[in-house]
Amino acid sequence: MKKFLFIFVCAFALAGLACPANAGMFFGARAGAEKYLIKNTSDQLDEGRTGFFAAGFIGYHASFFRFEGEYTYFPERSFQGKRMKANTQMVMGNLYFAPPMRFFIQPYVMGGAGVGLHKLEKNEVSKKTNAFSWQIGAGLELELSENVFLDIGGRWLNLGDAKLDSKKYSVDGYSYYGGLRFEY
């Protein structure tokens, strides 16, 4: 049994080292328009604000999958007639899948999970909250040169719950973005 386990572990490790020809590291940035939605039933708050966001990412591309770590910043928004302010930062691990076809334009689907870092402020009282967050999306990847890609896509974000004055505020959003990815 020990011999079998040793052979299995060695074979698994060697298979992991066998990288496809189009594998490699990448980094990039994306920015776009987003709709930031915040809800609370006790305050009868159900508002959305449109704005811009910026993100940076780094990851690994292997065959038809991309794995990335992403940091996104959503600037401060005002709600309830400017009585409440909210901003969010997001740290996510994302997985992208592109179908097995290689053209200069490639569709993809993606999903991710991570942490939303919220800051709410109302009546000069502020509170920071961390919450589980997730996202799903789809888009197109255009090959501009051998190692440079333009990503255009959209995604739905569930940024979890933010808390202020013992009240929970549900934070969601959706965004449309463009970005550049550099592979090496």
C-alpha atoms as a PDB file:
ATOM      1  CA  MET A   1       0.000   0.000   0.000  1.00  0.00           C
ATOM      2  CA  LYS A   2       2.828   2.425   0.850  1.00  0.00           C
ATOM      3  CA  LYS A   3       4.510   1.654  -2.478  1.00  0.00           C
ATOM      4  CA  PHE A   4       1.287   2.332  -4.390  1.00  0.00           C
ATOM      5  CA  LEU A   5       0.749   5.604  -2.499  1.00  0.00           C
ATOM      6  CA  PHE A   6       4.350   6.690  -3.209  1.00  0.00           C
ATOM      7  CA  ILE A   7       3.962   5.925  -6.962  1.00  0.00           C
ATOM      8  CA  PHE A   8       0.623   7.759  -7.068  1.00  0.00           C
ATOM      9  CA  VAL A   9       2.029  10.876  -5.350  1.00  0.00           C
ATOM     10  CA  CYS A  10       5.097  10.919  -7.652  1.00  0.00           C
ATOM     11  CA  ALA A  11       2.962  10.505 -10.789  1.00  0.00           C
ATOM     12  CA  PHE A  12       0.627  13.278  -9.653  1.00  0.00           C
ATOM     13  CA  ALA A  13       3.568  15.625  -8.957  1.00  0.00           C
ATOM     14  CA  LEU A  14       5.181  14.918 -12.351  1.00  0.00           C
ATOM     15  CA  ALA A  15       1.870  15.420 -14.158  1.00  0.00           C
ATOM     16  CA  GLY A  16       1.576  18.806 -12.461  1.00  0.00           C
ATOM     17  CA  LEU A  17       4.980  19.802 -13.820  1.00  0.00           C
ATOM     18  CA  ALA A  18       3.992  19.016 -17.406  1.00  0.00           C
ATOM     19  CA  CYS A  19       2.759  22.416 -18.572  1.00  0.00           C
ATOM     20  CA  PRO A  20       1.017  22.943 -21.904  1.00  0.00           C
ATOM     21  CA  ALA A  21       2.780  25.030 -24.542  1.00  0.00           C
ATOM     22  CA  ASN A  22       0.543  28.071 -24.001  1.00  0.00           C
ATOM     23  CA  ALA A  23       0.985  28.198 -20.225  1.00  0.00           C
ATOM     24  CA  GLY A  24       2.524  31.058 -18.318  1.00  0.00           C
ATOM     25  CA  MET A  25       2.213  33.896 -15.856  1.00  0.00           C
ATOM     26  CA  PHE A  26       0.291  37.103 -16.577  1.00  0.00           C
ATOM     27  CA  PHE A  27      -0.571  40.431 -14.998  1.00  0.00           C
ATOM     28  CA  GLY A  28      -2.818  43.321 -15.952  1.00  0.00           C
ATOM     29  CA  ALA A  29      -5.405  45.910 -15.067  1.00  0.00           C
ATOM     30  CA  ARG A  30      -9.068  46.493 -15.813  1.00  0.00           C
ATOM     31  CA  ALA A  31     -11.468  49.362 -15.269  1.00  0.00           C
ATOM     32  CA  GLY A  32     -15.055  50.026 -16.107  1.00  0.00           C
ATOM     33  CA  ALA A  33     -18.502  51.186 -15.148  1.00  0.00           C
ATOM     34  CA  GLU A  34     -20.308  49.588 -12.231  1.00  0.00           C
ATOM     35  CA  LYS A  35     -23.676  49.789 -10.548  1.00  0.00           C
ATOM     36  CA  TYR A  36     -23.242  49.578  -6.754  1.00  0.00           C
ATOM     37  CA  LEU A  37     -26.460  48.399  -5.051  1.00  0.00           C
ATOM     38  CA  ILE A  38     -27.112  48.629  -1.305  1.00  0.00           C
ATOM     39  CA  LYS A  39     -30.232  47.345   0.476  1.00  0.00           C
ATOM     40  CA  ASN A  40     -31.626  47.353   4.018  1.00  0.00           C
ATOM     41  CA  THR A  41     -35.264  46.538   4.789  1.00  0.00           C
ATOM     42  CA  SER A  42     -35.424  48.276   8.186  1.00  0.00           C
ATOM     43  CA  ASP A  43     -34.258  51.607   6.667  1.00  0.00           C
ATOM     44  CA  GLN A  44     -36.315  50.986   3.523  1.00  0.00           C
ATOM     45  CA  LEU A  45     -33.062  51.518   1.651  1.00  0.00           C
ATOM     46  CA  ASP A  46     -32.816  50.047  -1.840  1.00  0.00           C
ATOM     47  CA  GLU A  47     -30.556  52.327  -3.849  1.00  0.00           C
ATOM     48  CA  GLY A  48     -28.062  51.941  -6.628  1.00  0.00           C
ATOM     49  CA  ARG A  49     -25.299  54.300  -7.712  1.00  0.00           C
ATOM     50  CA  THR A  50     -23.367  54.163 -10.958  1.00  0.00           C
ATOM     51  CA  GLY A  51     -19.672  54.928 -11.033  1.00  0.00           C
ATOM     52  CA  PHE A  52     -16.294  53.614 -12.039  1.00  0.00           C
ATOM     53  CA  PHE A  53     -13.967  51.010 -10.570  1.00  0.00           C
ATOM     54  CA  ALA A  54     -10.342  49.985 -11.068  1.00  0.00           C
ATOM     55  CA  ALA A  55      -8.678  46.596 -10.593  1.00  0.00           C
ATOM     56  CA  GLY A  56      -5.289  44.952 -10.832  1.00  0.00           C
ATOM     57  CA  PHE A  57      -4.568  41.238 -11.134  1.00  0.00           C
ATOM     58  CA  ILE A  58      -1.841  38.632 -11.456  1.00  0.00           C
ATOM     59  CA  GLY A  59      -2.212  34.983 -12.359  1.00  0.00           C
ATOM     60  CA  TYR A  60      -1.342  31.867 -14.285  1.00  0.00           C
ATOM     61  CA  HIS A  61      -2.670  30.708 -17.666  1.00  0.00           C
ATOM     62  CA  ALA A  62      -2.715  26.946 -18.319  1.00  0.00           C
ATOM     63  CA  SER A  63      -4.349  25.567 -21.439  1.00  0.00           C
ATOM     64  CA  PHE A  64      -8.013  26.678 -21.434  1.00  0.00           C
ATOM     65  CA  PHE A  65      -8.022  27.924 -17.825  1.00  0.00           C
ATOM     66  CA  ARG A  66      -6.760  31.098 -16.182  1.00  0.00           C
ATOM     67  CA  PHE A  67      -6.336  31.466 -12.411  1.00  0.00           C
ATOM     68  CA  GLU A  68      -5.892  34.961 -11.001  1.00  0.00           C
ATOM     69  CA  GLY A  69      -5.760  36.973  -7.809  1.00  0.00           C
ATOM     70  CA  GLU A  70      -7.567  40.313  -8.180  1.00  0.00           C
ATOM     71  CA  TYR A  71      -7.770  43.504  -6.131  1.00  0.00           C
ATOM     72  CA  THR A  72     -10.632  45.908  -6.981  1.00  0.00           C
ATOM     73  CA  TYR A  73     -11.388  49.357  -5.599  1.00  0.00           C
ATOM     74  CA  PHE A  74     -14.913  50.809  -5.718  1.00  0.00           C
ATOM     75  CA  PRO A  75     -14.799  54.555  -4.865  1.00  0.00           C
ATOM     76  CA  GLU A  76     -17.047  56.151  -2.251  1.00  0.00           C
ATOM     77  CA  ARG A  77     -20.766  56.473  -3.068  1.00  0.00           C
ATOM     78  CA  SER A  78     -23.443  58.539  -1.294  1.00  0.00           C
ATOM     79  CA  PHE A  79     -26.873  57.144  -0.401  1.00  0.00           C
ATOM     80  CA  GLN A  80     -30.032  58.372   1.342  1.00  0.00           C
ATOM     81  CA  GLY A  81     -29.630  61.938   0.105  1.00  0.00           C
ATOM     82  CA  LYS A  82     -25.898  62.007   0.978  1.00  0.00           C
ATOM     83  CA  ARG A  83     -26.552  61.018   4.616  1.00  0.00           C
ATOM     84  CA  MET A  84     -24.791  57.685   4.173  1.00  0.00           C
ATOM     85  CA  LYS A  85     -21.495  56.948   2.399  1.00  0.00           C
ATOM     86  CA  ALA A  86     -20.124  53.576   1.346  1.00  0.00           C
ATOM     87  CA  ASN A  87     -17.001  52.306  -0.318  1.00  0.00           C
ATOM     88  CA  THR A  88     -15.725  48.794  -0.937  1.00  0.00           C
ATOM     89  CA  GLN A  89     -12.487  47.063  -1.742  1.00  0.00           C
ATOM     90  CA  MET A  90     -12.487  43.489  -2.983  1.00  0.00           C
ATOM     91  CA  VAL A  91      -9.868  40.730  -3.004  1.00  0.00           C
ATOM     92  CA  MET A  92     -10.849  37.722  -5.138  1.00  0.00           C
ATOM     93  CA  GLY A  93      -9.484  34.493  -6.513  1.00  0.00           C
ATOM     94  CA  ASN A  94     -10.918  34.011 -10.013  1.00  0.00           C
ATOM     95  CA  LEU A  95     -11.105  31.087 -12.435  1.00  0.00           C
ATOM     96  CA  TYR A  96     -11.661  31.672 -16.168  1.00  0.00           C
ATOM     97  CA  PHE A  97     -12.538  29.047 -18.777  1.00  0.00           C
ATOM     98  CA  ALA A  98     -12.206  29.630 -22.528  1.00  0.00           C
ATOM     99  CA  PRO A  99     -13.527  26.930 -24.917  1.00  0.00           C
ATOM    100  CA  PRO A 100     -10.876  24.881 -26.746  1.00  0.00           C
ATOM    101  CA  MET A 101     -10.625  27.031 -29.866  1.00  0.00           C
ATOM    102  CA  ARG A 102      -7.869  29.512 -30.603  1.00  0.00           C
ATOM    103  CA  PHE A 103      -8.713  32.536 -32.711  1.00  0.00           C
ATOM    104  CA  PHE A 104      -7.746  36.184 -32.288  1.00  0.00           C
ATOM    105  CA  ILE A 105     -11.049  36.564 -30.427  1.00  0.00           C
ATOM    106  CA  GLN A 106     -11.986  34.098 -27.670  1.00  0.00           C
ATOM    107  CA  PRO A 107     -15.143  33.967 -25.481  1.00  0.00           C
ATOM    108  CA  TYR A 108     -14.809  33.053 -21.794  1.00  0.00           C
ATOM    109  CA  VAL A 109     -16.827  32.516 -18.623  1.00  0.00           C
ATOM    110  CA  MET A 110     -15.518  33.234 -15.145  1.00  0.00           C
ATOM    111  CA  GLY A 111     -16.283  32.883 -11.477  1.00  0.00           C
ATOM    112  CA  GLY A 112     -14.565  33.967  -8.310  1.00  0.00           C
ATOM    113  CA  ALA A 113     -14.717  34.056  -4.543  1.00  0.00           C
ATOM    114  CA  GLY A 114     -13.030  36.209  -1.928  1.00  0.00           C
ATOM    115  CA  VAL A 115     -13.541  38.990   0.601  1.00  0.00           C
ATOM    116  CA  GLY A 116     -15.336  42.340   0.330  1.00  0.00           C
ATOM    117  CA  LEU A 117     -13.916  45.040   2.619  1.00  0.00           C
ATOM    118  CA  HIS A 118     -16.717  47.545   3.303  1.00  0.00           C
ATOM    119  CA  LYS A 119     -16.672  50.933   4.984  1.00  0.00           C
ATOM    120  CA  LEU A 120     -20.025  52.558   5.794  1.00  0.00           C
ATOM    121  CA  GLU A 121     -20.431  56.017   7.291  1.00  0.00           C
ATOM    122  CA  LYS A 122     -23.653  57.632   8.510  1.00  0.00           C
ATOM    123  CA  ASN A 123     -24.123  60.616  10.872  1.00  0.00           C
ATOM    124  CA  GLU A 124     -20.343  60.778  11.469  1.00  0.00           C
ATOM    125  CA  VAL A 125     -20.266  57.157  12.654  1.00  0.00           C
ATOM    126  CA  SER A 126     -18.274  54.742  10.522  1.00  0.00           C
ATOM    127  CA  LYS A 127     -17.703  51.005  10.590  1.00  0.00           C
ATOM    128  CA  LYS A 128     -15.511  48.655   8.576  1.00  0.00           C
ATOM    129  CA  THR A 129     -16.779  45.150   7.808  1.00  0.00           C
ATOM    130  CA  ASN A 130     -15.321  42.135   5.996  1.00  0.00           C
ATOM    131  CA  ALA A 131     -17.687  39.755   4.193  1.00  0.00           C
ATOM    132  CA  PHE A 132     -17.545  36.707   1.933  1.00  0.00           C
ATOM    133  CA  SER A 133     -17.976  37.799  -1.697  1.00  0.00           C
ATOM    134  CA  TRP A 134     -18.434  36.014  -5.009  1.00  0.00           C
ATOM    135  CA  GLN A 135     -18.852  36.867  -8.680  1.00  0.00           C
ATOM    136  CA  ILE A 136     -19.753  35.329 -12.044  1.00  0.00           C
ATOM    137  CA  GLY A 137     -19.255  36.780 -15.492  1.00  0.00           C
ATOM    138  CA  ALA A 138     -18.517  36.350 -19.179  1.00  0.00           C
ATOM    139  CA  GLY A 139     -16.633  38.212 -21.853  1.00  0.00           C
ATOM    140  CA  LEU A 140     -14.363  38.244 -24.861  1.00  0.00           C
ATOM    141  CA  GLU A 141     -10.578  38.161 -25.033  1.00  0.00           C
ATOM    142  CA  LEU A 142      -8.945  39.745 -28.095  1.00  0.00           C
ATOM    143  CA  GLU A 143      -5.337  38.913 -28.961  1.00  0.00           C
ATOM    144  CA  LEU A 144      -3.607  42.217 -29.781  1.00  0.00           C
ATOM    145  CA  SER A 145      -0.130  40.658 -30.104  1.00  0.00           C
ATOM    146  CA  GLU A 146       1.590  37.445 -29.081  1.00  0.00           C
ATOM    147  CA  ASN A 147       1.597  38.340 -25.364  1.00  0.00           C
ATOM    148  CA  VAL A 148      -0.942  41.183 -25.058  1.00  0.00           C
ATOM    149  CA  PHE A 149      -4.696  40.625 -24.728  1.00  0.00           C
ATOM    150  CA  LEU A 150      -7.690  42.960 -24.450  1.00  0.00           C
ATOM    151  CA  ASP A 151     -10.472  41.663 -22.176  1.00  0.00           C
ATOM    152  CA  ILE A 152     -14.006  43.009 -22.520  1.00  0.00           C
ATOM    153  CA  GLY A 153     -16.678  41.617 -20.236  1.00  0.00           C
ATOM    154  CA  GLY A 154     -19.335  41.923 -17.608  1.00  0.00           C
ATOM    155  CA  ARG A 155     -19.891  40.401 -14.191  1.00  0.00           C
ATOM    156  CA  TRP A 156     -22.394  40.145 -11.346  1.00  0.00           C
ATOM    157  CA  LEU A 157     -20.981  40.694  -7.851  1.00  0.00           C
ATOM    158  CA  ASN A 158     -22.373  39.682  -4.485  1.00  0.00           C
ATOM    159  CA  LEU A 159     -20.198  41.582  -2.019  1.00  0.00           C
ATOM    160  CA  GLY A 160     -21.820  40.221   1.136  1.00  0.00           C
ATOM    161  CA  ASP A 161     -23.211  42.220   4.053  1.00  0.00           C
ATOM    162  CA  ALA A 162     -21.854  45.437   5.538  1.00  0.00           C
ATOM    163  CA  LYS A 163     -22.780  46.453   9.088  1.00  0.00           C
ATOM    164  CA  LEU A 164     -23.425  49.845  10.687  1.00  0.00           C
ATOM    165  CA  ASP A 165     -25.353  50.680  13.895  1.00  0.00           C
ATOM    166  CA  SER A 166     -26.274  46.985  14.388  1.00  0.00           C
ATOM    167  CA  LYS A 167     -27.960  46.942  10.958  1.00  0.00           C
ATOM    168  CA  LYS A 168     -27.009  44.750   8.018  1.00  0.00           C
ATOM    169  CA  TYR A 169     -26.778  46.230   4.539  1.00  0.00           C
ATOM    170  CA  SER A 170     -26.702  43.863   1.563  1.00  0.00           C
ATOM    171  CA  VAL A 171     -24.159  45.002  -1.044  1.00  0.00           C
ATOM    172  CA  ASP A 172     -24.349  43.792  -4.654  1.00  0.00           C
ATOM    173  CA  GLY A 173     -23.399  45.137  -8.029  1.00  0.00           C
ATOM    174  CA  TYR A 174     -22.712  44.508 -11.654  1.00  0.00           C
ATOM    175  CA  SER A 175     -20.044  45.912 -13.886  1.00  0.00           C
ATOM    176  CA  TYR A 176     -18.875  46.180 -17.478  1.00  0.00           C
ATOM    177  CA  TYR A 177     -15.156  46.446 -18.024  1.00  0.00           C
ATOM    178  CA  GLY A 178     -12.221  46.539 -20.379  1.00  0.00           C
ATOM    179  CA  GLY A 179      -8.677  45.643 -19.497  1.00  0.00           C
ATOM    180  CA  LEU A 180      -5.246  44.674 -20.728  1.00  0.00           C
ATOM    181  CA  ARG A 181      -3.484  41.444 -19.841  1.00  0.00           C
ATOM    182  CA  PHE A 182       0.234  40.871 -20.427  1.00  0.00           C
ATOM    183  CA  GLU A 183       1.513  37.286 -20.539  1.00  0.00           C
ATOM    184  CA  TYR A 184       5.137  36.252 -20.142  1.00  0.00           C
END
